[in-house]
Full PDB file with SEQRES, HELIX, SHEET, SSBOND, CRYST1, ORIGX, SCALE, CONECT and MASTER records, all heavy atoms in Angstrom:
SEQRES   1 A   40  CYS VAL LEU CYS LYS ALA LYS ALA THR VAL PRO ASP ALA          
SEQRES   2 A   40  GLU SER THR TYR ALA ILE ILE CYS ILE TYR GLU ASP LEU          
SEQRES   3 A   40  ASN SER ASN ALA SER ILE THR THR ILE ARG GLU SER ASN          
SEQRES   4 A   40  ILE                                                          
SHEET    1 AA1 3 VAL A   2  LYS A   7  0                                        
SHEET    2 AA1 3 SER A  15  GLU A  24 -1                                        
SHEET    3 AA1 3 ALA A  30  ARG A  36 -1                                        
CRYST1    1.000    1.000    1.000  90.00  90.00  90.00 P 1           1          
ORIGX1      1.000000  0.000000  0.000000        0.00000                         
ORIGX2      0.000000  1.000000  0.000000        0.00000                         
ORIGX3      0.000000  0.000000  1.000000        0.00000                         
SCALE1      1.000000  0.000000  0.000000        0.00000                         
SCALE2      0.000000  1.000000  0.000000        0.00000                         
SCALE3      0.000000  0.000000  1.000000        0.00000                         
ATOM      1  N   CYS A   1     -16.290 -15.543  -0.178  1.00  0.00           N  
ATOM      2  CA  CYS A   1     -15.379 -16.670  -0.189  1.00  0.00           C  
ATOM      3  C   CYS A   1     -16.059 -17.878  -0.962  1.00  0.00           C  
ATOM      4  O   CYS A   1     -17.181 -18.162  -0.635  1.00  0.00           O  
ATOM      5  CB  CYS A   1     -14.988 -17.124   1.209  1.00  0.00           C  
ATOM      6  SG  CYS A   1     -13.973 -18.575   1.270  1.00  0.00           S  
ATOM      7  N   VAL A   2     -15.375 -18.479  -1.922  1.00  0.00           N  
ATOM      8  CA  VAL A   2     -16.017 -19.503  -2.766  1.00  0.00           C  
ATOM      9  C   VAL A   2     -15.030 -20.549  -3.043  1.00  0.00           C  
ATOM     10  O   VAL A   2     -13.895 -20.277  -3.243  1.00  0.00           O  
ATOM     11  CB  VAL A   2     -16.637 -18.820  -4.036  1.00  0.00           C  
ATOM     12  CG1 VAL A   2     -15.538 -18.274  -4.862  1.00  0.00           C  
ATOM     13  CG2 VAL A   2     -17.411 -19.928  -4.789  1.00  0.00           C  
ATOM     14  N   LEU A   3     -15.520 -21.771  -3.012  1.00  0.00           N  
ATOM     15  CA  LEU A   3     -14.709 -22.953  -3.522  1.00  0.00           C  
ATOM     16  C   LEU A   3     -14.815 -23.059  -5.014  1.00  0.00           C  
ATOM     17  O   LEU A   3     -15.951 -23.029  -5.519  1.00  0.00           O  
ATOM     18  CB  LEU A   3     -15.174 -24.280  -2.782  1.00  0.00           C  
ATOM     19  CG  LEU A   3     -14.385 -25.518  -3.298  1.00  0.00           C  
ATOM     20  CD1 LEU A   3     -12.955 -25.533  -2.763  1.00  0.00           C  
ATOM     21  CD2 LEU A   3     -15.199 -26.763  -2.879  1.00  0.00           C  
ATOM     22  N   CYS A   4     -13.673 -23.226  -5.725  1.00  0.00           N  
ATOM     23  CA  CYS A   4     -13.714 -23.257  -7.219  1.00  0.00           C  
ATOM     24  C   CYS A   4     -13.051 -24.505  -7.706  1.00  0.00           C  
ATOM     25  O   CYS A   4     -12.171 -25.064  -7.024  1.00  0.00           O  
ATOM     26  CB  CYS A   4     -13.117 -22.058  -7.750  1.00  0.00           C  
ATOM     27  SG  CYS A   4     -13.958 -20.597  -7.473  1.00  0.00           S  
ATOM     28  N   LYS A   5     -13.396 -24.913  -8.923  1.00  0.00           N  
ATOM     29  CA  LYS A   5     -12.589 -25.839  -9.677  1.00  0.00           C  
ATOM     30  C   LYS A   5     -11.652 -25.015 -10.536  1.00  0.00           C  
ATOM     31  O   LYS A   5     -12.036 -24.060 -11.239  1.00  0.00           O  
ATOM     32  CB  LYS A   5     -13.504 -26.674 -10.491  1.00  0.00           C  
ATOM     33  CG  LYS A   5     -12.821 -27.789 -11.346  1.00  0.00           C  
ATOM     34  CD  LYS A   5     -13.750 -28.480 -12.324  1.00  0.00           C  
ATOM     35  CE  LYS A   5     -14.020 -27.471 -13.453  1.00  0.00           C  
ATOM     36  NZ  LYS A   5     -14.848 -28.144 -14.546  1.00  0.00           N  
ATOM     37  N   ALA A   6     -10.395 -25.366 -10.471  1.00  0.00           N  
ATOM     38  CA  ALA A   6      -9.359 -24.650 -11.175  1.00  0.00           C  
ATOM     39  C   ALA A   6      -8.786 -25.529 -12.291  1.00  0.00           C  
ATOM     40  O   ALA A   6      -8.454 -26.680 -12.039  1.00  0.00           O  
ATOM     41  CB  ALA A   6      -8.253 -24.183 -10.252  1.00  0.00           C  
ATOM     42  N   LYS A   7      -8.644 -24.983 -13.478  1.00  0.00           N  
ATOM     43  CA  LYS A   7      -8.069 -25.799 -14.606  1.00  0.00           C  
ATOM     44  C   LYS A   7      -7.177 -24.885 -15.468  1.00  0.00           C  
ATOM     45  O   LYS A   7      -7.715 -23.919 -16.012  1.00  0.00           O  
ATOM     46  CB  LYS A   7      -9.211 -26.413 -15.409  1.00  0.00           C  
ATOM     47  CG  LYS A   7      -8.753 -27.405 -16.533  1.00  0.00           C  
ATOM     48  CD  LYS A   7      -9.903 -28.164 -17.084  1.00  0.00           C  
ATOM     49  CE  LYS A   7      -9.453 -29.311 -17.962  1.00  0.00           C  
ATOM     50  NZ  LYS A   7     -10.598 -30.081 -18.601  1.00  0.00           N  
ATOM     51  N   ALA A   8      -5.967 -25.318 -15.620  1.00  0.00           N  
ATOM     52  CA  ALA A   8      -5.058 -24.491 -16.464  1.00  0.00           C  
ATOM     53  C   ALA A   8      -5.549 -24.574 -17.911  1.00  0.00           C  
ATOM     54  O   ALA A   8      -5.997 -25.684 -18.375  1.00  0.00           O  
ATOM     55  CB  ALA A   8      -3.619 -25.078 -16.377  1.00  0.00           C  
ATOM     56  N   THR A   9      -5.355 -23.501 -18.629  1.00  0.00           N  
ATOM     57  CA  THR A   9      -5.830 -23.392 -20.040  1.00  0.00           C  
ATOM     58  C   THR A   9      -4.711 -24.033 -20.998  1.00  0.00           C  
ATOM     59  O   THR A   9      -4.194 -23.237 -21.826  1.00  0.00           O  
ATOM     60  CB  THR A   9      -6.259 -22.061 -20.401  1.00  0.00           C  
ATOM     61  OG1 THR A   9      -5.107 -21.142 -20.102  1.00  0.00           O  
ATOM     62  CG2 THR A   9      -7.515 -21.580 -19.680  1.00  0.00           C  
ATOM     63  N   VAL A  10      -4.351 -25.191 -20.706  1.00  0.00           N  
ATOM     64  CA  VAL A  10      -3.383 -25.891 -21.627  1.00  0.00           C  
ATOM     65  C   VAL A  10      -3.963 -27.313 -21.853  1.00  0.00           C  
ATOM     66  O   VAL A  10      -4.772 -27.829 -21.113  1.00  0.00           O  
ATOM     67  CB  VAL A  10      -2.018 -26.012 -20.911  1.00  0.00           C  
ATOM     68  CG1 VAL A  10      -1.343 -24.678 -20.712  1.00  0.00           C  
ATOM     69  CG2 VAL A  10      -2.075 -26.805 -19.573  1.00  0.00           C  
ATOM     70  N   PRO A  11      -3.513 -27.907 -22.934  1.00  0.00           N  
ATOM     71  CA  PRO A  11      -4.027 -29.255 -23.311  1.00  0.00           C  
ATOM     72  C   PRO A  11      -3.813 -30.323 -22.171  1.00  0.00           C  
ATOM     73  O   PRO A  11      -2.766 -30.277 -21.494  1.00  0.00           O  
ATOM     74  CB  PRO A  11      -3.254 -29.606 -24.590  1.00  0.00           C  
ATOM     75  CG  PRO A  11      -2.843 -28.293 -25.143  1.00  0.00           C  
ATOM     76  CD  PRO A  11      -2.623 -27.420 -24.002  1.00  0.00           C  
ATOM     77  N   ASP A  12      -4.795 -31.153 -21.932  1.00  0.00           N  
ATOM     78  CA  ASP A  12      -4.735 -32.190 -21.046  1.00  0.00           C  
ATOM     79  C   ASP A  12      -4.559 -31.821 -19.497  1.00  0.00           C  
ATOM     80  O   ASP A  12      -4.030 -32.595 -18.747  1.00  0.00           O  
ATOM     81  CB  ASP A  12      -3.719 -33.202 -21.479  1.00  0.00           C  
ATOM     82  CG  ASP A  12      -3.877 -33.707 -22.829  1.00  0.00           C  
ATOM     83  OD1 ASP A  12      -5.025 -34.037 -23.225  1.00  0.00           O  
ATOM     84  OD2 ASP A  12      -2.833 -33.889 -23.577  1.00  0.00           O  
ATOM     85  N   ALA A  13      -4.922 -30.546 -19.271  1.00  0.00           N  
ATOM     86  CA  ALA A  13      -4.717 -30.142 -17.850  1.00  0.00           C  
ATOM     87  C   ALA A  13      -5.737 -30.825 -16.844  1.00  0.00           C  
ATOM     88  O   ALA A  13      -6.909 -31.058 -17.377  1.00  0.00           O  
ATOM     89  CB  ALA A  13      -4.867 -28.586 -17.816  1.00  0.00           C  
ATOM     90  N   GLU A  14      -5.258 -31.128 -15.779  1.00  0.00           N  
ATOM     91  CA  GLU A  14      -6.203 -31.719 -14.739  1.00  0.00           C  
ATOM     92  C   GLU A  14      -6.873 -30.597 -13.874  1.00  0.00           C  
ATOM     93  O   GLU A  14      -6.157 -29.589 -13.594  1.00  0.00           O  
ATOM     94  CB  GLU A  14      -5.489 -32.727 -13.837  1.00  0.00           C  
ATOM     95  CG  GLU A  14      -4.975 -33.930 -14.624  1.00  0.00           C  
ATOM     96  CD  GLU A  14      -4.363 -34.977 -13.683  1.00  0.00           C  
ATOM     97  OE1 GLU A  14      -4.259 -34.658 -12.517  1.00  0.00           O  
ATOM     98  OE2 GLU A  14      -4.007 -36.047 -14.177  1.00  0.00           O  
ATOM     99  N   SER A  15      -8.093 -30.905 -13.502  1.00  0.00           N  
ATOM    100  CA  SER A  15      -8.756 -29.892 -12.588  1.00  0.00           C  
ATOM    101  C   SER A  15      -8.417 -30.113 -11.111  1.00  0.00           C  
ATOM    102  O   SER A  15      -8.303 -31.292 -10.758  1.00  0.00           O  
ATOM    103  CB  SER A  15     -10.266 -29.951 -12.828  1.00  0.00           C  
ATOM    104  OG  SER A  15     -10.669 -29.664 -14.080  1.00  0.00           O  
ATOM    105  N   THR A  16      -8.323 -29.082 -10.389  1.00  0.00           N  
ATOM    106  CA  THR A  16      -8.057 -29.141  -8.930  1.00  0.00           C  
ATOM    107  C   THR A  16      -8.956 -28.113  -8.201  1.00  0.00           C  
ATOM    108  O   THR A  16      -9.589 -27.284  -8.835  1.00  0.00           O  
ATOM    109  CB  THR A  16      -6.610 -28.858  -8.611  1.00  0.00           C  
ATOM    110  OG1 THR A  16      -6.254 -27.523  -9.090  1.00  0.00           O  
ATOM    111  CG2 THR A  16      -5.645 -29.883  -9.221  1.00  0.00           C  
ATOM    112  N   TYR A  17      -8.961 -28.302  -6.925  1.00  0.00           N  
ATOM    113  CA  TYR A  17      -9.835 -27.384  -6.138  1.00  0.00           C  
ATOM    114  C   TYR A  17      -9.009 -26.147  -5.588  1.00  0.00           C  
ATOM    115  O   TYR A  17      -7.816 -26.239  -5.314  1.00  0.00           O  
ATOM    116  CB  TYR A  17     -10.483 -28.050  -4.940  1.00  0.00           C  
ATOM    117  CG  TYR A  17     -11.596 -28.978  -5.345  1.00  0.00           C  
ATOM    118  CD1 TYR A  17     -11.515 -30.394  -5.227  1.00  0.00           C  
ATOM    119  CD2 TYR A  17     -12.812 -28.468  -5.876  1.00  0.00           C  
ATOM    120  CE1 TYR A  17     -12.561 -31.264  -5.588  1.00  0.00           C  
ATOM    121  CE2 TYR A  17     -13.901 -29.267  -6.246  1.00  0.00           C  
ATOM    122  CZ  TYR A  17     -13.781 -30.633  -6.129  1.00  0.00           C  
ATOM    123  OH  TYR A  17     -14.762 -31.472  -6.573  1.00  0.00           O  
ATOM    124  N   ALA A  18      -9.677 -25.004  -5.551  1.00  0.00           N  
ATOM    125  CA  ALA A  18      -9.037 -23.761  -5.001  1.00  0.00           C  
ATOM    126  C   ALA A  18     -10.128 -22.965  -4.249  1.00  0.00           C  
ATOM    127  O   ALA A  18     -11.317 -23.067  -4.610  1.00  0.00           O  
ATOM    128  CB  ALA A  18      -8.470 -22.958  -6.132  1.00  0.00           C  
ATOM    129  N   ILE A  19      -9.705 -22.285  -3.198  1.00  0.00           N  
ATOM    130  CA  ILE A  19     -10.613 -21.393  -2.489  1.00  0.00           C  
ATOM    131  C   ILE A  19     -10.218 -19.924  -2.847  1.00  0.00           C  
ATOM    132  O   ILE A  19      -9.062 -19.522  -2.797  1.00  0.00           O  
ATOM    133  CB  ILE A  19     -10.422 -21.497  -0.974  1.00  0.00           C  
ATOM    134  CG1 ILE A  19     -10.986 -22.873  -0.532  1.00  0.00           C  
ATOM    135  CG2 ILE A  19     -11.211 -20.431  -0.179  1.00  0.00           C  
ATOM    136  CD1 ILE A  19     -10.904 -23.205   0.932  1.00  0.00           C  
ATOM    137  N   ILE A  20     -11.251 -19.215  -3.377  1.00  0.00           N  
ATOM    138  CA  ILE A  20     -10.988 -17.835  -3.843  1.00  0.00           C  
ATOM    139  C   ILE A  20     -11.829 -16.907  -2.962  1.00  0.00           C  
ATOM    140  O   ILE A  20     -12.979 -17.104  -2.636  1.00  0.00           O  
ATOM    141  CB  ILE A  20     -11.453 -17.744  -5.317  1.00  0.00           C  
ATOM    142  CG1 ILE A  20     -10.498 -18.536  -6.212  1.00  0.00           C  
ATOM    143  CG2 ILE A  20     -11.358 -16.208  -5.787  1.00  0.00           C  
ATOM    144  CD1 ILE A  20     -10.815 -18.399  -7.744  1.00  0.00           C  
ATOM    145  N   CYS A  21     -11.183 -15.779  -2.597  1.00  0.00           N  
ATOM    146  CA  CYS A  21     -11.919 -14.641  -2.001  1.00  0.00           C  
ATOM    147  C   CYS A  21     -11.952 -13.410  -2.902  1.00  0.00           C  
ATOM    148  O   CYS A  21     -10.992 -13.116  -3.588  1.00  0.00           O  
ATOM    149  CB  CYS A  21     -11.292 -14.285  -0.687  1.00  0.00           C  
ATOM    150  SG  CYS A  21     -11.613 -15.471   0.630  1.00  0.00           S  
ATOM    151  N   ILE A  22     -13.131 -12.771  -2.943  1.00  0.00           N  
ATOM    152  CA  ILE A  22     -13.369 -11.655  -3.884  1.00  0.00           C  
ATOM    153  C   ILE A  22     -13.863 -10.473  -3.057  1.00  0.00           C  
ATOM    154  O   ILE A  22     -14.652 -10.642  -2.142  1.00  0.00           O  
ATOM    155  CB  ILE A  22     -14.401 -12.042  -4.890  1.00  0.00           C  
ATOM    156  CG1 ILE A  22     -13.792 -13.095  -5.894  1.00  0.00           C  
ATOM    157  CG2 ILE A  22     -14.942 -10.864  -5.683  1.00  0.00           C  
ATOM    158  CD1 ILE A  22     -14.979 -13.738  -6.785  1.00  0.00           C  
ATOM    159  N   TYR A  23     -13.293  -9.290  -3.392  1.00  0.00           N  
ATOM    160  CA  TYR A  23     -13.767  -8.030  -2.773  1.00  0.00           C  
ATOM    161  C   TYR A  23     -14.755  -7.444  -3.789  1.00  0.00           C  
ATOM    162  O   TYR A  23     -14.334  -7.045  -4.899  1.00  0.00           O  
ATOM    163  CB  TYR A  23     -12.534  -7.181  -2.456  1.00  0.00           C  
ATOM    164  CG  TYR A  23     -13.032  -5.799  -2.037  1.00  0.00           C  
ATOM    165  CD1 TYR A  23     -13.770  -5.534  -0.919  1.00  0.00           C  
ATOM    166  CD2 TYR A  23     -12.594  -4.676  -2.733  1.00  0.00           C  
ATOM    167  CE1 TYR A  23     -14.190  -4.273  -0.552  1.00  0.00           C  
ATOM    168  CE2 TYR A  23     -12.997  -3.399  -2.427  1.00  0.00           C  
ATOM    169  CZ  TYR A  23     -13.802  -3.219  -1.296  1.00  0.00           C  
ATOM    170  OH  TYR A  23     -14.140  -1.933  -0.932  1.00  0.00           O  
ATOM    171  N   GLU A  24     -15.927  -7.080  -3.300  1.00  0.00           N  
ATOM    172  CA  GLU A  24     -16.934  -6.338  -4.057  1.00  0.00           C  
ATOM    173  C   GLU A  24     -17.089  -4.980  -3.380  1.00  0.00           C  
ATOM    174  O   GLU A  24     -17.533  -4.907  -2.280  1.00  0.00           O  
ATOM    175  CB  GLU A  24     -18.256  -7.147  -4.075  1.00  0.00           C  
ATOM    176  CG  GLU A  24     -19.389  -6.443  -4.830  1.00  0.00           C  
ATOM    177  CD  GLU A  24     -20.774  -7.013  -4.629  1.00  0.00           C  
ATOM    178  OE1 GLU A  24     -20.838  -7.913  -3.707  1.00  0.00           O  
ATOM    179  OE2 GLU A  24     -21.673  -6.631  -5.160  1.00  0.00           O  
ATOM    180  N   ASP A  25     -16.848  -3.910  -4.164  1.00  0.00           N  
ATOM    181  CA  ASP A  25     -16.962  -2.603  -3.582  1.00  0.00           C  
ATOM    182  C   ASP A  25     -18.408  -2.105  -3.635  1.00  0.00           C  
ATOM    183  O   ASP A  25     -19.281  -2.762  -4.090  1.00  0.00           O  
ATOM    184  CB  ASP A  25     -15.933  -1.575  -4.159  1.00  0.00           C  
ATOM    185  CG  ASP A  25     -16.227  -1.186  -5.588  1.00  0.00           C  
ATOM    186  OD1 ASP A  25     -17.382  -1.397  -6.009  1.00  0.00           O  
ATOM    187  OD2 ASP A  25     -15.368  -0.721  -6.257  1.00  0.00           O  
ATOM    188  N   LEU A  26     -18.550  -0.922  -3.146  1.00  0.00           N  
ATOM    189  CA  LEU A  26     -19.937  -0.356  -3.071  1.00  0.00           C  
ATOM    190  C   LEU A  26     -20.534   0.073  -4.372  1.00  0.00           C  
ATOM    191  O   LEU A  26     -21.693   0.383  -4.568  1.00  0.00           O  
ATOM    192  CB  LEU A  26     -19.943   0.929  -2.085  1.00  0.00           C  
ATOM    193  CG  LEU A  26     -19.546   0.560  -0.717  1.00  0.00           C  
ATOM    194  CD1 LEU A  26     -19.442   1.850   0.097  1.00  0.00           C  
ATOM    195  CD2 LEU A  26     -20.603  -0.375   0.015  1.00  0.00           C  
ATOM    196  N   ASN A  27     -19.696   0.072  -5.414  1.00  0.00           N  
ATOM    197  CA  ASN A  27     -20.111   0.367  -6.794  1.00  0.00           C  
ATOM    198  C   ASN A  27     -20.322  -0.877  -7.643  1.00  0.00           C  
ATOM    199  O   ASN A  27     -20.324  -0.791  -8.798  1.00  0.00           O  
ATOM    200  CB  ASN A  27     -19.247   1.364  -7.495  1.00  0.00           C  
ATOM    201  CG  ASN A  27     -19.171   2.690  -6.680  1.00  0.00           C  
ATOM    202  OD1 ASN A  27     -20.274   3.266  -6.484  1.00  0.00           O  
ATOM    203  ND2 ASN A  27     -17.972   3.140  -6.276  1.00  0.00           N  
ATOM    204  N   SER A  28     -20.292  -2.048  -6.936  1.00  0.00           N  
ATOM    205  CA  SER A  28     -20.492  -3.326  -7.589  1.00  0.00           C  
ATOM    206  C   SER A  28     -19.224  -3.720  -8.438  1.00  0.00           C  
ATOM    207  O   SER A  28     -19.377  -4.612  -9.291  1.00  0.00           O  
ATOM    208  CB  SER A  28     -21.781  -3.440  -8.388  1.00  0.00           C  
ATOM    209  OG  SER A  28     -22.873  -3.307  -7.566  1.00  0.00           O  
ATOM    210  N   ASN A  29     -18.133  -3.081  -8.199  1.00  0.00           N  
ATOM    211  CA  ASN A  29     -16.881  -3.611  -8.876  1.00  0.00           C  
ATOM    212  C   ASN A  29     -16.391  -4.696  -8.060  1.00  0.00           C  
ATOM    213  O   ASN A  29     -16.636  -4.784  -6.863  1.00  0.00           O  
ATOM    214  CB  ASN A  29     -15.819  -2.453  -8.909  1.00  0.00           C  
ATOM    215  CG  ASN A  29     -16.253  -1.266  -9.724  1.00  0.00           C  
ATOM    216  OD1 ASN A  29     -16.846  -1.438 -10.892  1.00  0.00           O  
ATOM    217  ND2 ASN A  29     -16.179  -0.021  -9.158  1.00  0.00           N  
ATOM    218  N   ALA A  30     -15.620  -5.659  -8.654  1.00  0.00           N  
ATOM    219  CA  ALA A  30     -15.171  -6.808  -7.953  1.00  0.00           C  
ATOM    220  C   ALA A  30     -13.806  -7.147  -8.405  1.00  0.00           C  
ATOM    221  O   ALA A  30     -13.390  -7.073  -9.590  1.00  0.00           O  
ATOM    222  CB  ALA A  30     -16.121  -7.988  -8.223  1.00  0.00           C  
ATOM    223  N   SER A  31     -12.956  -7.650  -7.471  1.00  0.00           N  
ATOM    224  CA  SER A  31     -11.608  -8.101  -7.719  1.00  0.00           C  
ATOM    225  C   SER A  31     -11.231  -9.253  -6.765  1.00  0.00           C  
ATOM    226  O   SER A  31     -11.705  -9.278  -5.637  1.00  0.00           O  
ATOM    227  CB  SER A  31     -10.612  -6.941  -7.582  1.00  0.00           C  
ATOM    228  OG  SER A  31     -10.673  -6.411  -6.267  1.00  0.00           O  
ATOM    229  N   ILE A  32     -10.278 -10.070  -7.214  1.00  0.00           N  
ATOM    230  CA  ILE A  32      -9.814 -11.133  -6.428  1.00  0.00           C  
ATOM    231  C   ILE A  32      -8.893 -10.626  -5.430  1.00  0.00           C  
ATOM    232  O   ILE A  32      -7.953  -9.839  -5.684  1.00  0.00           O  
ATOM    233  CB  ILE A  32      -9.092 -12.201  -7.326  1.00  0.00           C  
ATOM    234  CG1 ILE A  32     -10.159 -12.921  -8.159  1.00  0.00           C  
ATOM    235  CG2 ILE A  32      -8.388 -13.217  -6.450  1.00  0.00           C  
ATOM    236  CD1 ILE A  32      -9.531 -13.948  -9.162  1.00  0.00           C  
ATOM    237  N   THR A  33      -8.978 -11.081  -4.163  1.00  0.00           N  
ATOM    238  CA  THR A  33      -8.031 -10.664  -3.143  1.00  0.00           C  
ATOM    239  C   THR A  33      -7.181 -11.859  -2.639  1.00  0.00           C  
ATOM    240  O   THR A  33      -5.922 -11.593  -2.404  1.00  0.00           O  
ATOM    241  CB  THR A  33      -8.846 -10.149  -1.851  1.00  0.00           C  
ATOM    242  OG1 THR A  33      -9.757 -11.069  -1.432  1.00  0.00           O  
ATOM    243  CG2 THR A  33      -9.548  -8.800  -2.245  1.00  0.00           C  
ATOM    244  N   THR A  34      -7.685 -13.073  -2.660  1.00  0.00           N  
ATOM    245  CA  THR A  34      -6.827 -14.115  -2.372  1.00  0.00           C  
ATOM    246  C   THR A  34      -7.275 -15.368  -3.094  1.00  0.00           C  
ATOM    247  O   THR A  34      -8.419 -15.555  -3.350  1.00  0.00           O  
ATOM    248  CB  THR A  34      -6.759 -14.535  -0.821  1.00  0.00           C  
ATOM    249  OG1 THR A  34      -8.175 -14.893  -0.490  1.00  0.00           O  
ATOM    250  CG2 THR A  34      -6.343 -13.461   0.048  1.00  0.00           C  
ATOM    251  N   ILE A  35      -6.280 -16.229  -3.394  1.00  0.00           N  
ATOM    252  CA  ILE A  35      -6.541 -17.608  -4.011  1.00  0.00           C  
ATOM    253  C   ILE A  35      -5.654 -18.627  -3.241  1.00  0.00           C  
ATOM    254  O   ILE A  35      -4.574 -18.458  -3.154  1.00  0.00           O  
ATOM    255  CB  ILE A  35      -6.252 -17.593  -5.551  1.00  0.00           C  
ATOM    256  CG1 ILE A  35      -7.076 -16.555  -6.263  1.00  0.00           C  
ATOM    257  CG2 ILE A  35      -6.514 -18.999  -6.095  1.00  0.00           C  
ATOM    258  CD1 ILE A  35      -6.753 -16.458  -7.689  1.00  0.00           C  
ATOM    259  N   ARG A  36      -6.316 -19.643  -2.753  1.00  0.00           N  
ATOM    260  CA  ARG A  36      -5.687 -20.773  -2.123  1.00  0.00           C  
ATOM    261  C   ARG A  36      -5.658 -21.976  -3.069  1.00  0.00           C  
ATOM    262  O   ARG A  36      -6.706 -22.505  -3.211  1.00  0.00           O  
ATOM    263  CB  ARG A  36      -6.156 -21.086  -0.724  1.00  0.00           C  
ATOM    264  CG  ARG A  36      -5.976 -20.018   0.280  1.00  0.00           C  
ATOM    265  CD  ARG A  36      -6.478 -20.501   1.575  1.00  0.00           C  
ATOM    266  NE  ARG A  36      -5.666 -21.559   2.237  1.00  0.00           N  
ATOM    267  CZ  ARG A  36      -6.135 -22.254   3.244  1.00  0.00           C  
ATOM    268  NH1 ARG A  36      -7.180 -22.022   3.824  1.00  0.00           N  
ATOM    269  NH2 ARG A  36      -5.321 -23.219   3.746  1.00  0.00           N  
ATOM    270  N   GLU A  37      -4.570 -22.313  -3.682  1.00  0.00           N  
ATOM    271  CA  GLU A  37      -4.523 -23.393  -4.563  1.00  0.00           C  
ATOM    272  C   GLU A  37      -4.435 -24.768  -3.768  1.00  0.00           C  
ATOM    273  O   GLU A  37      -4.119 -24.736  -2.594  1.00  0.00           O  
ATOM    274  CB  GLU A  37      -3.358 -23.279  -5.555  1.00  0.00           C  
ATOM    275  CG  GLU A  37      -3.521 -22.177  -6.582  1.00  0.00           C  
ATOM    276  CD  GLU A  37      -4.393 -22.659  -7.720  1.00  0.00           C  
ATOM    277  OE1 GLU A  37      -4.993 -23.729  -7.661  1.00  0.00           O  
ATOM    278  OE2 GLU A  37      -4.636 -21.913  -8.610  1.00  0.00           O  
ATOM    279  N   SER A  38      -4.565 -25.862  -4.466  1.00  0.00           N  
ATOM    280  CA  SER A  38      -4.296 -27.155  -3.898  1.00  0.00           C  
ATOM    281  C   SER A  38      -3.951 -28.072  -5.085  1.00  0.00           C  
ATOM    282  O   SER A  38      -4.114 -27.718  -6.273  1.00  0.00           O  
ATOM    283  CB  SER A  38      -5.568 -27.672  -3.250  1.00  0.00           C  
ATOM    284  OG  SER A  38      -6.518 -28.177  -4.151  1.00  0.00           O  
ATOM    285  N   ASN A  39      -3.542 -29.295  -4.679  1.00  0.00           N  
ATOM    286  CA  ASN A  39      -3.264 -30.379  -5.698  1.00  0.00           C  
ATOM    287  C   ASN A  39      -4.417 -31.419  -5.643  1.00  0.00           C  
ATOM    288  O   ASN A  39      -4.218 -32.566  -6.047  1.00  0.00           O  
ATOM    289  CB  ASN A  39      -1.952 -31.000  -5.413  1.00  0.00           C  
ATOM    290  CG  ASN A  39      -0.702 -30.109  -5.706  1.00  0.00           C  
ATOM    291  OD1 ASN A  39      -0.821 -29.254  -6.703  1.00  0.00           O  
ATOM    292  ND2 ASN A  39       0.191 -30.019  -4.832  1.00  0.00           N  
ATOM    293  N   ILE A  40      -5.512 -31.013  -5.041  1.00  0.00           N  
ATOM    294  CA  ILE A  40      -6.631 -31.984  -4.804  1.00  0.00           C  
ATOM    295  C   ILE A  40      -7.424 -32.131  -6.152  1.00  0.00           C  
ATOM    296  O   ILE A  40      -7.932 -31.122  -6.657  1.00  0.00           O  
ATOM    297  CB  ILE A  40      -7.558 -31.450  -3.738  1.00  0.00           C  
ATOM    298  CG1 ILE A  40      -6.807 -31.126  -2.433  1.00  0.00           C  
ATOM    299  CG2 ILE A  40      -8.729 -32.458  -3.482  1.00  0.00           C  
ATOM    300  CD1 ILE A  40      -7.613 -30.384  -1.365  1.00  0.00           C  
TER     301      ILE A  40                                                      
MASTER        0    0    0    0    3    0    0    6  300    1    0    4          
END                                                                             
């Protein structure tokens, strides 16, 4: 679980905070399982 800065890849986009959870399997593969966005 990690806190991230999120920024849309469009001109003049503002950055906000998001909490992301990642699943890492036993073979070191990784994928996103949840993302909680905010307007912060």
